[in-house]
C-alpha atoms as a PDB file:
ATOM      1  CA  MET A   1       0.000   0.000   0.000  1.00  0.00           C
ATOM      2  CA  PRO A   2       1.331   3.485  -0.823  1.00  0.00           C
ATOM      3  CA  ASP A   3       2.670   5.461   2.115  1.00  0.00           C
ATOM      4  CA  GLN A   4       1.527   8.935   3.203  1.00  0.00           C
ATOM      5  CA  SER A   5       3.981  10.806   0.972  1.00  0.00           C
ATOM      6  CA  ASP A   6       2.808   8.838  -2.088  1.00  0.00           C
ATOM      7  CA  TRP A   7      -0.783   9.916  -1.419  1.00  0.00           C
ATOM      8  CA  GLU A   8       0.291  13.515  -0.845  1.00  0.00           C
ATOM      9  CA  ALA A   9       2.176  13.539  -4.142  1.00  0.00           C
ATOM     10  CA  LYS A  10      -0.806  12.040  -5.956  1.00  0.00           C
ATOM     11  CA  ALA A  11      -3.182  14.660  -4.529  1.00  0.00           C
ATOM     12  CA  ALA A  12      -0.805  17.484  -5.467  1.00  0.00           C
ATOM     13  CA  ASN A  13      -0.370  16.099  -8.982  1.00  0.00           C
ATOM     14  CA  ILE A  14      -4.120  15.805  -9.496  1.00  0.00           C
ATOM     15  CA  LEU A  15      -4.645  19.396  -8.392  1.00  0.00           C
ATOM     16  CA  LYS A  16      -1.737  20.705 -10.491  1.00  0.00           C
ATOM     17  CA  ALA A  17      -3.035  18.840 -13.558  1.00  0.00           C
ATOM     18  CA  GLU A  18      -6.508  20.307 -13.147  1.00  0.00           C
ATOM     19  CA  LEU A  19      -5.086  23.807 -12.785  1.00  0.00           C
ATOM     20  CA  LYS A  20      -3.095  23.321 -15.980  1.00  0.00           C
ATOM     21  CA  ARG A  21      -6.128  21.883 -17.797  1.00  0.00           C
ATOM     22  CA  GLN A  22      -8.189  24.903 -16.779  1.00  0.00           C
ATOM     23  CA  GLY A  23      -5.380  27.356 -17.596  1.00  0.00           C
ATOM     24  CA  VAL A  24      -5.306  28.723 -14.040  1.00  0.00           C
ATOM     25  CA  THR A  25      -2.078  29.988 -12.471  1.00  0.00           C
ATOM     26  CA  TYR A  26      -1.215  29.764  -8.792  1.00  0.00           C
ATOM     27  CA  ALA A  27      -1.732  33.527  -8.520  1.00  0.00           C
ATOM     28  CA  GLN A  28      -5.198  33.271 -10.064  1.00  0.00           C
ATOM     29  CA  LEU A  29      -6.121  30.357  -7.817  1.00  0.00           C
ATOM     30  CA  ALA A  30      -4.925  32.251  -4.757  1.00  0.00           C
ATOM     31  CA  GLU A  31      -7.177  35.156  -5.682  1.00  0.00           C
ATOM     32  CA  MET A  32     -10.146  32.840  -6.299  1.00  0.00           C
ATOM     33  CA  ILE A  33      -9.885  31.178  -2.882  1.00  0.00           C
ATOM     34  CA  GLY A  34      -8.772  34.227  -0.887  1.00  0.00           C
ATOM     35  CA  ASP A  35      -5.255  33.004  -0.184  1.00  0.00           C
ATOM     36  CA  LYS A  36      -1.776  34.272  -1.015  1.00  0.00           C
ATOM     37  CA  GLU A  37       0.193  32.913  -3.960  1.00  0.00           C
ATOM     38  CA  PRO A  38       3.194  31.777  -1.851  1.00  0.00           C
ATOM     39  CA  ASN A  39       0.837  29.777   0.387  1.00  0.00           C
ATOM     40  CA  VAL A  40      -0.737  28.040  -2.612  1.00  0.00           C
ATOM     41  CA  ARG A  41       2.664  27.379  -4.163  1.00  0.00           C
ATOM     42  CA  ASN A  42       4.033  25.904  -0.916  1.00  0.00           C
ATOM     43  CA  LYS A  43       1.014  23.689  -0.289  1.00  0.00           C
ATOM     44  CA  LEU A  44       1.130  22.277  -3.796  1.00  0.00           C
ATOM     45  CA  SER A  45       4.885  21.754  -3.806  1.00  0.00           C
ATOM     46  CA  ARG A  46       4.803  19.928  -0.459  1.00  0.00           C
ATOM     47  CA  GLY A  47       1.527  18.123  -1.115  1.00  0.00           C
ATOM     48  CA  LYS A  48       0.467  19.019   2.428  1.00  0.00           C
ATOM     49  CA  PHE A  49      -3.142  20.133   2.289  1.00  0.00           C
ATOM     50  CA  SER A  50      -6.492  18.822   3.406  1.00  0.00           C
ATOM     51  CA  ALA A  51      -9.122  17.189   1.248  1.00  0.00           C
ATOM     52  CA  ALA A  52     -11.302  20.211   1.983  1.00  0.00           C
ATOM     53  CA  TYR A  53      -8.614  22.522   0.561  1.00  0.00           C
ATOM     54  CA  MET A  54      -8.359  20.378  -2.556  1.00  0.00           C
ATOM     55  CA  LEU A  55     -12.123  20.446  -3.045  1.00  0.00           C
ATOM     56  CA  GLN A  56     -12.182  24.209  -2.504  1.00  0.00           C
ATOM     57  CA  CYS A  57      -9.518  24.684  -5.173  1.00  0.00           C
ATOM     58  CA  LEU A  58     -11.169  22.341  -7.652  1.00  0.00           C
ATOM     59  CA  ASN A  59     -14.526  24.021  -7.131  1.00  0.00           C
ATOM     60  CA  ALA A  60     -12.994  27.483  -7.586  1.00  0.00           C
ATOM     61  CA  VAL A  61     -11.589  26.571 -11.006  1.00  0.00           C
ATOM     62  CA  GLY A  62     -14.831  24.930 -12.120  1.00  0.00           C
ATOM     63  CA  VAL A  63     -13.953  21.256 -11.856  1.00  0.00           C
ATOM     64  CA  GLY A  64     -17.094  19.281 -11.087  1.00  0.00           C
ATOM     65  CA  GLU A  65     -15.483  15.854 -11.108  1.00  0.00           C
ATOM     66  CA  PHE A  66     -12.098  14.240 -11.557  1.00  0.00           C
ATOM     67  CA  ARG A  67     -10.703  10.738 -11.912  1.00  0.00           C
ATOM     68  CA  ILE A  68      -8.230   9.177  -9.544  1.00  0.00           C
END
């Protein structure tokens, strides 16, 4: 079974891919969710964020569903 860091990397990669698909930059996402760009950049580079944060980001960029 994958360890914690594998799951974190997978979550970060899914979110990054959706941002790219939607043509949304980290700065634009930060503005959409009321955060600061460095915070978004750090969370996505580390993969350390909650499922709620991921859903908030996906919702903000208009993603209704995604495949794992």
